[in-house]
Protein backbone atom coordinates (compact mmCIF):
# COMPACT_ATOMS: atom_id res chain seq x y z
CA MET A 1 150.65 83.77 -5.77
CA ASN A 2 152.35 82.20 -8.79
CA ARG A 3 149.62 80.37 -10.70
CA LYS A 4 151.94 78.82 -13.31
CA PRO A 5 152.92 75.63 -11.42
CA ARG A 6 149.31 74.84 -10.65
CA GLN A 7 148.28 75.46 -14.25
CA GLN A 8 151.06 73.21 -15.50
CA GLN A 9 150.14 70.49 -13.00
CA THR A 10 146.52 70.64 -14.12
CA ILE A 11 147.31 70.57 -17.83
CA LYS A 12 149.73 67.65 -17.50
CA ALA A 13 147.34 65.59 -15.35
CA PHE A 14 144.45 66.16 -17.75
CA GLU A 15 146.60 65.38 -20.81
CA ASP A 16 147.80 62.16 -19.16
CA PHE A 17 144.24 61.20 -18.31
CA LEU A 18 142.96 61.89 -21.83
CA SER A 19 145.79 60.14 -23.65
CA THR A 20 146.47 57.08 -21.47
CA PRO A 21 144.42 53.96 -22.28
CA LEU A 22 142.55 52.35 -19.40
CA GLU A 23 144.50 49.10 -19.75
CA THR A 24 147.81 50.95 -19.33
CA VAL A 25 146.59 52.68 -16.16
CA LEU A 26 145.42 49.41 -14.62
CA GLN A 27 148.76 47.68 -15.18
CA ARG A 28 150.91 50.21 -13.30
CA HIS A 29 150.46 48.41 -10.01
CA LEU A 30 152.20 45.25 -11.19
CA ASN A 31 155.65 46.71 -10.47
CA THR A 32 155.20 49.78 -8.31
CA GLN A 33 152.44 49.42 -5.72
CA SER A 34 154.64 49.35 -2.59
CA SER A 35 157.03 52.01 -3.91
CA ALA A 36 154.04 54.24 -4.64
CA ALA A 37 152.86 53.91 -1.02
CA LEU A 38 156.36 54.70 0.28
CA ALA A 39 156.67 57.68 -2.06
CA LEU A 40 153.32 59.01 -0.81
CA PHE A 41 154.48 58.64 2.81
CA HIS A 42 157.69 60.62 2.24
CA ASP A 43 155.84 63.31 0.32
CA VAL A 44 153.22 63.71 3.05
CA ALA A 45 155.81 63.58 5.85
CA ALA A 46 157.74 66.40 4.16
CA ASN A 47 154.88 68.63 3.00
CA VAL A 48 151.78 68.19 5.18
CA PRO A 49 152.07 70.16 8.47
CA ALA A 50 149.61 67.96 10.39
CA TYR A 51 151.37 64.73 9.46
CA LYS A 52 154.76 66.26 10.30
CA ALA A 53 153.42 67.07 13.76
CA PHE A 54 151.79 63.62 14.07
CA LEU A 55 155.13 61.90 13.42
CA ALA A 56 157.10 64.31 15.62
CA GLU A 57 154.79 63.69 18.59
CA ARG A 58 155.60 59.99 18.25
CA GLU A 59 159.32 60.63 17.71
CA ILE A 60 159.30 59.01 14.26
CA ASN A 61 161.99 60.11 11.82
CA PRO A 62 160.61 59.76 8.27
CA ALA A 63 164.10 59.12 6.90
CA THR A 64 164.18 55.78 8.74
CA ILE A 65 161.14 54.47 6.81
CA GLN A 66 162.67 52.91 3.69
CA THR A 67 160.97 49.52 3.26
CA LEU A 68 157.40 48.28 3.06
CA GLU A 69 157.90 46.42 6.35
CA GLU A 70 158.90 49.67 8.08
CA PHE A 71 156.00 51.48 6.44
CA GLN A 72 153.56 48.91 7.81
CA LYS A 73 154.76 49.58 11.36
CA LEU A 74 153.79 53.26 11.19
CA PRO A 75 150.90 54.21 13.49
CA ALA A 76 147.55 54.33 11.73
CA ILE A 77 145.76 57.65 11.45
CA ALA A 78 142.01 58.07 11.93
CA LYS A 79 139.47 60.80 12.38
CA GLN A 80 139.93 60.96 16.15
CA ASN A 81 143.72 60.98 16.36
CA TYR A 82 144.42 62.97 13.20
CA ILE A 83 141.65 64.58 11.15
CA LEU A 84 139.84 66.19 14.09
CA ARG A 85 143.04 67.17 15.93
CA TYR A 86 144.51 69.59 13.41
CA PRO A 87 143.25 72.66 11.54
CA LEU A 88 141.80 71.85 8.12
CA ALA A 89 144.52 73.77 6.28
CA ASP A 90 147.27 71.88 8.13
CA LEU A 91 145.89 68.60 6.76
CA CYS A 92 146.57 69.86 3.22
CA ARG A 93 149.93 70.08 1.46
CA ASN A 94 151.98 73.09 2.59
CA GLY A 95 149.09 74.09 4.85
CA GLN A 96 147.29 75.53 1.82
CA LEU A 97 143.56 74.89 1.81
CA GLU A 98 143.31 77.22 -1.18
CA ALA A 99 145.29 74.68 -3.23
CA CYS A 100 142.07 72.63 -3.28
CA ASP A 101 139.18 73.72 -5.47
CA MET A 102 136.31 71.68 -3.96
CA ILE A 103 135.15 70.72 -0.48
CA ALA A 104 132.73 67.92 0.38
CA ALA A 105 131.11 67.32 3.76
CA SER A 106 130.27 64.13 5.63
CA SER A 107 128.09 64.00 8.72
CA GLY A 108 129.69 63.00 12.00
CA SER A 109 128.02 61.26 14.91
CA SER A 110 126.80 64.56 16.32
CA GLY A 111 125.61 65.82 12.97
CA LYS A 112 128.58 68.19 12.79
CA PRO A 113 130.18 67.71 9.36
CA THR A 114 133.74 66.76 8.58
CA PHE A 115 135.11 68.66 5.60
CA TRP A 116 137.13 66.95 2.86
CA PRO A 117 138.88 69.24 0.36
CA ARG A 118 140.17 68.00 -2.99
CA PHE A 119 141.60 69.32 -6.26
CA PHE A 120 140.75 68.61 -9.88
CA THR A 121 143.64 66.15 -10.21
CA ASP A 122 142.26 64.08 -7.30
CA GLU A 123 139.02 63.68 -9.22
CA LEU A 124 140.88 62.45 -12.31
CA GLN A 125 142.27 59.53 -10.27
CA ILE A 126 138.76 58.57 -9.22
CA THR A 127 137.44 58.96 -12.77
CA THR A 128 139.45 55.86 -13.70
CA ARG A 129 137.14 53.84 -11.44
CA PHE A 130 134.17 55.19 -13.38
CA GLU A 131 135.98 54.49 -16.65
CA GLN A 132 136.39 50.86 -15.62
CA ILE A 133 132.65 50.62 -15.15
CA PHE A 134 131.55 52.56 -18.21
CA HIS A 135 134.10 50.89 -20.51
CA ASP A 136 134.33 47.33 -19.18
CA SER A 137 130.79 46.79 -17.93
CA PHE A 138 128.61 49.10 -20.01
CA HIS A 139 130.63 49.29 -23.28
CA THR A 140 130.03 53.01 -23.31
CA ASP A 141 132.85 53.58 -25.80
CA THR A 142 130.46 52.32 -28.51
CA ARG A 143 127.08 53.41 -27.11
CA ARG A 144 125.39 56.77 -26.72
CA THR A 145 124.78 56.90 -22.98
CA LEU A 146 122.63 59.10 -20.76
CA ALA A 147 124.09 59.24 -17.24
CA VAL A 148 121.40 60.23 -14.72
CA ILE A 149 122.90 61.39 -11.40
CA CYS A 150 120.49 60.25 -8.67
CA PHE A 151 122.82 60.88 -5.72
CA SER A 152 122.03 63.85 -3.49
CA LEU A 153 123.46 67.09 -4.81
CA GLY A 154 124.97 69.73 -2.55
CA THR A 155 127.92 69.49 -0.17
CA TRP A 156 127.64 65.70 0.14
CA VAL A 157 130.26 63.83 -1.79
CA GLY A 158 128.20 61.52 -4.01
CA GLY A 159 126.37 63.81 -6.40
CA MET A 160 128.95 66.43 -7.35
CA PHE A 161 131.90 64.01 -7.43
CA THR A 162 130.03 61.55 -9.66
CA THR A 163 128.84 64.33 -11.96
CA ASN A 164 132.39 65.61 -12.42
CA CYS A 165 133.81 62.15 -13.12
CA CYS A 166 131.18 61.42 -15.77
CA ARG A 167 131.93 64.72 -17.49
CA TYR A 168 135.67 63.97 -17.53
CA LEU A 169 134.87 60.66 -19.25
CA ALA A 170 132.92 62.58 -21.87
CA SER A 171 136.01 64.77 -22.33
CA LYS A 172 138.04 61.61 -23.01
CA GLY A 173 135.76 60.81 -25.92
CA TYR A 174 133.13 58.58 -24.38
CA PRO A 175 129.68 59.44 -25.81
CA ILE A 176 128.25 60.24 -22.38
CA THR A 177 125.70 62.96 -21.70
CA VAL A 178 125.06 63.83 -18.04
CA ILE A 179 121.90 65.11 -16.37
CA THR A 180 121.59 65.85 -12.66
CA PRO A 181 118.10 65.46 -11.16
CA GLY A 182 119.69 64.41 -7.86
CA ASN A 183 117.46 62.39 -5.56
CA ASN A 184 114.29 63.98 -6.95
CA LYS A 185 112.28 60.93 -7.95
CA GLU A 186 109.73 62.78 -10.07
CA GLU A 187 112.47 64.54 -12.02
CA ILE A 188 114.36 61.26 -12.56
CA LEU A 189 111.28 59.59 -14.01
CA ARG A 190 110.60 62.61 -16.21
CA VAL A 191 114.10 62.84 -17.70
CA VAL A 192 114.32 59.09 -18.35
CA GLN A 193 110.99 59.04 -20.18
CA GLU A 194 111.60 62.23 -22.16
CA LEU A 195 115.29 61.73 -22.99
CA GLY A 196 115.99 58.01 -22.62
CA SER A 197 114.86 56.95 -26.09
CA ALA A 198 117.45 59.30 -27.67
CA PHE A 199 120.26 57.11 -26.24
CA LYS A 200 121.36 53.51 -26.61
CA GLN A 201 121.39 53.07 -22.84
CA VAL A 202 120.55 54.93 -19.64
CA VAL A 203 122.75 54.67 -16.54
CA LEU A 204 121.19 55.51 -13.18
CA LEU A 205 123.77 56.40 -10.51
CA GLY A 206 122.59 56.44 -6.88
CA TYR A 207 122.07 54.60 -3.61
CA PRO A 208 120.68 51.07 -4.07
CA PRO A 209 117.41 51.36 -2.10
CA PHE A 210 116.64 54.71 -3.70
CA LEU A 211 117.22 53.38 -7.21
CA LYS A 212 114.95 50.43 -6.45
CA ASP A 213 112.28 52.86 -5.23
CA VAL A 214 112.60 54.84 -8.49
CA ILE A 215 112.29 51.65 -10.54
CA ASP A 216 109.30 50.34 -8.58
CA THR A 217 107.54 53.71 -8.78
CA GLY A 218 108.15 53.75 -12.52
CA ILE A 219 106.71 50.26 -12.96
CA ALA A 220 103.59 51.28 -11.02
CA ARG A 221 103.18 54.16 -13.49
CA GLY A 222 103.67 52.01 -16.56
CA VAL A 223 107.31 52.86 -17.31
CA GLU A 224 108.81 50.12 -19.51
CA TRP A 225 112.33 50.16 -18.15
CA GLN A 226 113.62 47.48 -20.50
CA GLN A 227 113.27 49.78 -23.53
CA TYR A 228 115.93 52.11 -22.08
CA GLN A 229 118.64 49.44 -21.58
CA ILE A 230 119.05 50.50 -17.93
CA LYS A 231 122.38 50.11 -16.13
CA LEU A 232 122.95 50.88 -12.45
CA VAL A 233 125.96 52.38 -10.65
CA MET A 234 125.56 52.24 -6.87
CA ALA A 235 127.39 53.18 -3.68
CA GLY A 236 126.94 53.35 0.07
CA GLU A 237 125.18 50.06 0.82
CA VAL A 238 125.83 46.35 1.08
CA PHE A 239 123.06 44.50 -0.77
CA SER A 240 122.30 40.86 -1.42
CA GLU A 241 122.59 39.08 -4.75
CA GLU A 242 118.88 38.30 -4.39
CA TRP A 243 118.35 42.08 -4.39
CA ARG A 244 120.44 42.43 -7.55
CA SER A 245 118.50 39.65 -9.27
CA LEU A 246 115.14 41.15 -8.31
CA VAL A 247 116.06 44.64 -9.52
CA GLY A 248 117.68 43.18 -12.63
CA GLU A 249 114.47 41.38 -13.48
CA ARG A 250 112.47 44.59 -13.11
CA ILE A 251 114.71 46.58 -15.46
CA GLY A 252 114.96 43.76 -17.99
CA SER A 253 118.64 42.99 -17.30
CA GLN A 254 120.04 40.21 -19.44
CA ASN A 255 123.29 39.87 -17.52
CA PRO A 256 123.68 41.27 -13.98
CA CYS A 257 127.49 40.99 -14.17
CA TYR A 258 127.52 43.64 -16.91
CA ASP A 259 124.45 45.73 -16.00
CA PHE A 260 125.37 46.65 -12.40
CA ALA A 261 128.41 48.06 -10.66
CA SER A 262 128.78 49.13 -7.04
CA LEU A 263 131.43 51.56 -5.80
CA TYR A 264 133.26 51.29 -2.48
CA GLY A 265 133.61 54.97 -1.73
CA THR A 266 133.88 57.50 1.04
CA ALA A 267 133.91 61.23 1.49
CA ASP A 268 137.38 60.85 3.03
CA ALA A 269 139.09 59.76 -0.19
CA GLY A 270 136.61 59.31 -3.03
CA VAL A 271 136.20 55.85 -4.58
CA LEU A 272 138.49 53.19 -3.14
CA GLY A 273 137.42 50.28 -5.33
CA ASN A 274 134.65 49.18 -7.66
CA GLU A 275 132.72 46.12 -8.66
CA THR A 276 133.81 44.60 -11.96
CA PRO A 277 132.07 41.94 -14.07
CA LEU A 278 134.59 39.52 -12.56
CA SER A 279 133.92 40.48 -8.93
CA ILE A 280 130.14 40.34 -9.47
CA CYS A 281 130.42 36.92 -11.11
CA ILE A 282 132.44 35.69 -8.12
CA ARG A 283 130.06 37.21 -5.57
CA ARG A 284 127.04 35.62 -7.26
CA PHE A 285 128.76 32.24 -7.11
CA LEU A 286 129.53 32.75 -3.42
CA ALA A 287 125.91 33.78 -2.73
CA GLN A 288 124.84 30.40 -4.13
CA ASN A 289 127.56 28.57 -2.20
CA PRO A 290 127.49 29.81 1.41
CA ASP A 291 130.04 27.22 2.53
CA ALA A 292 132.55 28.63 0.05
CA ALA A 293 131.74 32.18 1.16
CA ARG A 294 132.26 31.23 4.80
CA ALA A 295 135.56 29.56 3.99
CA LEU A 296 136.75 32.65 2.08
CA PHE A 297 135.50 35.45 4.32
CA GLY A 298 135.31 33.75 7.70
CA GLU A 299 131.71 34.86 8.25
CA SER A 300 128.30 33.72 7.17
CA ARG A 301 127.30 37.13 5.80
CA LEU A 302 128.26 38.24 2.32
CA PRO A 303 130.38 41.41 2.18
CA THR A 304 130.75 43.90 -0.61
CA LEU A 305 133.42 42.54 -2.97
CA VAL A 306 135.31 44.91 -5.27
CA GLN A 307 138.63 45.16 -7.06
CA TYR A 308 141.01 48.05 -6.43
CA ASP A 309 144.12 49.61 -7.93
CA PRO A 310 146.92 49.42 -5.31
CA PHE A 311 148.89 52.04 -7.21
CA THR A 312 146.41 54.74 -6.14
CA ARG A 313 144.78 53.15 -3.06
CA PHE A 314 147.11 50.89 -1.09
CA PHE A 315 145.15 48.64 1.29
CA GLU A 316 146.36 46.82 4.39
CA VAL A 317 144.56 44.72 6.99
CA GLN A 318 145.20 45.30 10.68
CA ASP A 319 143.28 43.47 13.42
CA GLY A 320 140.45 42.69 11.05
CA GLY A 321 140.10 46.30 9.94
CA LEU A 322 141.03 47.94 6.66
CA LEU A 323 143.70 50.63 6.39
CA PHE A 324 144.40 52.47 3.16
CA SER A 325 146.87 55.02 1.86
CA GLY A 326 146.00 57.36 -0.96
CA ASP A 327 146.54 60.84 -2.32
CA ASN A 328 143.80 63.43 -2.13
CA GLY A 329 143.28 67.04 -1.04
CA ILE A 330 143.94 65.60 2.41
CA PRO A 331 146.47 62.85 1.64
CA LEU A 332 146.03 59.85 3.92
CA VAL A 333 148.72 57.42 5.09
CA ARG A 334 147.59 54.17 6.72
CA TYR A 335 144.15 55.63 7.38
CA ASP A 336 141.72 53.62 9.49
CA ILE A 337 138.31 54.18 7.98
CA LEU A 338 136.72 51.86 10.60
CA ASP A 339 135.60 49.34 7.99
CA THR A 340 136.05 45.65 8.72
CA GLY A 341 137.11 43.38 5.89
CA GLY A 342 140.13 41.97 4.12
CA ILE A 343 142.15 41.79 0.92
CA ILE A 344 142.72 38.87 -1.47
CA SER A 345 145.18 38.85 -4.36
CA TYR A 346 143.92 38.09 -7.86
CA ASP A 347 145.82 34.80 -8.04
CA ALA A 348 144.73 33.71 -4.56
CA MET A 349 141.08 34.41 -5.42
CA LEU A 350 141.17 32.35 -8.62
CA GLN A 351 143.05 29.55 -6.89
CA PHE A 352 140.50 29.46 -4.06
CA LEU A 353 137.61 29.33 -6.54
CA ALA A 354 139.32 26.56 -8.52
CA GLU A 355 139.32 24.48 -5.33
CA TRP A 356 135.55 24.93 -5.35
CA GLU A 357 135.47 23.93 -9.03
CA PHE A 358 134.50 27.39 -10.28
CA ASN A 359 136.25 29.40 -12.98
CA PRO A 360 134.79 32.93 -13.08
CA VAL A 361 136.70 33.92 -16.23
CA ALA A 362 135.22 30.97 -18.11
CA ALA A 363 131.80 31.71 -16.63
CA LEU A 364 131.96 35.28 -17.97
CA GLU A 365 133.10 34.00 -21.38
CA ASN A 366 130.24 31.53 -21.57
CA SER A 367 127.53 33.83 -20.29
CA ALA A 368 125.09 35.27 -22.78
CA LEU A 369 126.48 38.74 -23.32
CA PRO A 370 124.57 40.67 -25.97
CA GLN A 371 127.03 43.53 -25.51
CA ARG A 372 130.11 41.41 -26.20
CA PRO A 373 131.54 42.11 -29.66
CA ALA A 374 131.56 39.25 -32.10
CA ILE A 375 134.83 37.35 -32.41
CA THR A 376 136.09 37.83 -35.94
CA ASN A 377 139.18 35.63 -35.80
CA SER A 378 140.44 32.53 -34.06
CA THR A 379 142.52 34.26 -31.40
CA PRO A 380 141.43 33.53 -27.80
CA HIS A 381 138.84 36.03 -26.61
CA SER A 382 138.82 37.37 -23.09
CA PRO A 383 135.68 39.23 -21.99
CA ARG A 384 135.94 42.80 -20.82
CA GLY A 385 136.32 43.39 -17.13
CA ILE A 386 139.15 40.91 -16.51
CA HIS A 387 142.02 42.77 -14.87
CA GLN A 388 144.59 41.21 -12.55
CA LEU A 389 143.75 43.63 -9.77
CA PRO A 390 143.50 42.53 -6.12
CA PHE A 391 140.18 42.24 -4.32
CA VAL A 392 139.03 43.95 -1.15
CA TYR A 393 135.96 42.80 0.76
CA VAL A 394 134.09 45.08 3.12
CA PHE A 395 131.64 44.15 5.85
CA GLY A 396 131.04 47.77 6.76
CA ARG A 397 131.72 50.15 9.58
CA SER A 398 132.88 48.71 12.86
CA ASN A 399 131.89 51.82 14.83
CA PHE A 400 128.25 50.79 15.28
CA THR A 401 126.72 52.82 12.46
CA VAL A 402 124.14 51.47 10.05
CA SER A 403 124.00 52.55 6.42
CA TYR A 404 120.59 53.50 5.01
CA PHE A 405 120.17 54.98 1.53
CA GLY A 406 123.87 55.82 1.73
CA ALA A 407 123.51 57.79 4.97
CA ASN A 408 125.49 56.71 8.02
CA ILE A 409 123.05 56.59 10.94
CA TYR A 410 124.53 56.71 14.41
CA PRO A 411 123.05 55.33 17.63
CA GLU A 412 123.73 58.71 19.22
CA ASN A 413 121.10 60.26 16.94
CA VAL A 414 118.47 57.79 18.13
CA THR A 415 119.45 58.21 21.78
CA VAL A 416 118.53 61.88 21.64
CA GLY A 417 115.09 60.95 20.33
CA LEU A 418 114.50 58.71 23.34
CA GLU A 419 115.70 61.38 25.77
CA GLN A 420 112.91 63.83 25.01
CA PRO A 421 110.38 64.84 27.70
CA VAL A 422 107.64 62.29 28.39
CA ILE A 423 109.23 59.66 26.13
CA GLN A 424 112.14 59.19 28.53
CA GLU A 425 109.62 58.11 31.17
CA TRP A 426 108.44 55.20 28.99
CA VAL A 427 111.81 53.71 28.00
CA THR A 428 115.09 52.56 29.50
CA GLY A 429 117.18 54.18 26.78
CA LYS A 430 118.26 50.86 25.28
CA PHE A 431 117.38 50.12 21.68
CA VAL A 432 118.52 48.08 18.67
CA LEU A 433 118.92 49.93 15.38
CA GLN A 434 119.03 47.99 12.11
CA VAL A 435 118.08 48.17 8.46
CA LYS A 436 115.65 45.45 7.40
CA GLU A 437 113.99 44.40 4.15
CA ASP A 438 110.34 43.61 3.59
CA ALA A 439 109.09 40.80 1.34
CA ASP A 440 109.54 42.99 -1.74
CA LYS A 441 113.18 43.76 -0.84
CA ASN A 442 112.40 47.37 0.13
CA ARG A 443 114.48 48.58 3.04
CA PHE A 444 113.18 50.21 6.17
CA LEU A 445 114.74 51.51 9.36
CA SER A 446 113.85 49.35 12.35
CA VAL A 447 114.26 50.50 15.95
CA VAL A 448 113.41 48.04 18.72
CA VAL A 449 113.03 49.99 21.97
CA GLU A 450 113.16 48.58 25.51
CA LEU A 451 110.25 49.70 27.67
CA ALA A 452 110.77 50.88 31.23
CA PRO A 453 109.62 48.63 34.09
CA GLY A 454 105.84 48.51 34.43
CA VAL A 455 105.19 50.19 31.05
CA GLU A 456 102.95 48.13 28.78
CA GLY A 457 103.44 50.10 25.56
CA SER A 458 100.65 51.35 23.31
CA GLU A 459 100.22 52.23 19.65
CA ALA A 460 100.15 55.92 20.57
CA GLN A 461 103.45 55.58 22.44
CA LYS A 462 104.99 53.72 19.52
CA GLN A 463 104.02 56.51 17.13
CA ALA A 464 105.25 59.21 19.50
CA ILE A 465 108.63 57.47 19.83
CA ALA A 466 108.93 57.07 16.05
CA PHE A 467 108.15 60.76 15.55
CA SER A 468 110.67 61.81 18.20
CA ILE A 469 113.45 59.67 16.70
CA LEU A 470 112.64 60.97 13.22
CA SER A 471 112.70 64.57 14.43
CA GLN A 472 116.16 64.14 15.94
CA LEU A 473 117.53 62.28 12.91
CA LEU A 474 116.40 65.14 10.69
CA ARG A 475 117.88 67.68 13.08
CA LEU A 476 121.20 66.00 13.79
CA ASN A 477 122.09 64.04 10.69
CA SER A 478 122.29 66.03 7.45
CA GLU A 479 123.05 62.91 5.40
CA PHE A 480 119.84 61.27 6.64
CA ALA A 481 117.80 64.39 5.90
CA ASN A 482 119.15 64.73 2.37
CA TYR A 483 119.78 61.14 1.25
CA VAL A 484 116.71 59.30 2.53
CA PRO A 485 113.44 59.96 0.63
CA PRO A 486 110.74 61.33 2.95
CA GLU A 487 108.52 58.27 2.57
CA TYR A 488 111.34 56.06 3.94
CA GLN A 489 112.46 58.32 6.79
CA THR A 490 110.02 57.36 9.56
CA PRO A 491 111.48 54.43 11.50
CA GLN A 492 109.37 51.38 12.26
CA VAL A 493 109.39 51.17 16.04
CA THR A 494 108.85 47.94 17.94
CA LEU A 495 108.33 48.05 21.71
CA ALA A 496 109.85 45.20 23.71
CA PRO A 497 109.53 44.50 27.44
CA MET A 498 112.48 45.10 29.71
CA GLY A 499 114.97 42.24 29.56
CA ASP A 500 113.54 40.84 26.32
CA SER A 501 115.63 37.74 25.61
CA GLU A 502 116.11 38.45 21.90
CA TYR A 503 117.02 42.13 22.01
CA PHE A 504 117.83 43.05 25.62
CA PRO A 505 119.14 39.98 27.45
CA ILE A 506 120.08 40.76 31.06
CA GLY A 507 123.73 40.51 32.01
CA VAL A 508 125.04 40.84 28.44
CA LYS A 509 126.83 43.90 27.09
CA HIS A 510 124.29 45.67 24.93
CA ARG A 511 124.88 46.32 21.23
CA TYR A 512 122.88 49.22 19.83
CA THR A 513 123.09 48.16 16.21
CA ARG A 514 122.71 44.96 14.28
CA GLN A 515 123.73 44.26 10.73
CA ARG A 516 121.29 42.41 8.56
């Protein structure tokens, strides 16, 4: 095998990454977003065996796809009709799995993982999302920063991917030092207390409920979080602005718009978008103005709101669901990730907010930002984090999963727990799975179970059901077993009589999950 082309590709990509300013990268989309999506399509159609076969089966000639309108009529791909139908190597360029240097795994509904290969250059694309956060939000270019990776390590995508991206930023000259305790709470607390004071700020990167658990445990042990100038990078969960405010208060945050950033990411294609100071400022306004939020999103719940770069991740909306196209070890063209949501252009967002008499750019300018550099001349100053990138909002998976500590939990996993000997005699098999919050904003997994006719339900039965569900979740769902701390794994089971009007109304199609 001739290694030269790959070496040259790697060197050029890394040189481009190291030498290109963030601002330049984020302006590419202004002229080329649709042409980039078309170019990706033609590349994949020519070089990826699985996609060639996918198009051939549908009698689609790639040469006829020359405009964005024609591109948007292409059939969407998804796990069921594409990823799971072809050999892993055929999903890669030239059928060469060995052209990728890393594989991540994501749990499927049966617990059987889906594998997602990628190459070094794919990670460089995603590193730009981290650079946005570390540069624009955390001002890491001027501050010694300890990045503490609190995502699970191993084959799951979060920990290793995030670690690599932070190290690439250090290579670019950012004064970032990385340490990887993973989701080991004791080790996280130890490294923060022993190393944190040597840095200007400490960034904790992990799933929101787990980071809150770390912070609360630290407070109970006398950790003074505010002395470490804590920042949080999160992924995998939708959380409320009340949650952000509560956690911000506990870490001593002076400005939540600049101390937090959430990633919209997936094992399928890395990070698709990220919170910016601007998107957080907007979301906090919408949280305080539910009528505005309902007018913008069409629902009374608040979605995740991020900005994205359409040059590298081209989003579309189809029937209320999000499709995206993007390059990766497995390049994806019009991929249906089963997330519901929508997209809003930068100008449309600011125009909408103006109608509600809110200017987020001015709000960021006027907010008390201790990290904002002093203005030394009379030229107009624009705060960091203002980029004319489009917005994508995400309500979450439409395929009846719930997300808990970043793990996708499937009703099928719970069903198996209710089908065990003895337990199946007590229940009908119907249940409602949801993630709830207690008064202190700590999340827990709630399962309301419908009792069989004539069964009263006892505390012993409730505990037995909880143990059975937990056992099957641990057995079937590797994300659950590795992402969720042991003390949060046992579900809180509620027993409801058959036909309960709130959870199991008779004559209505049953839904096994509920979003908060």
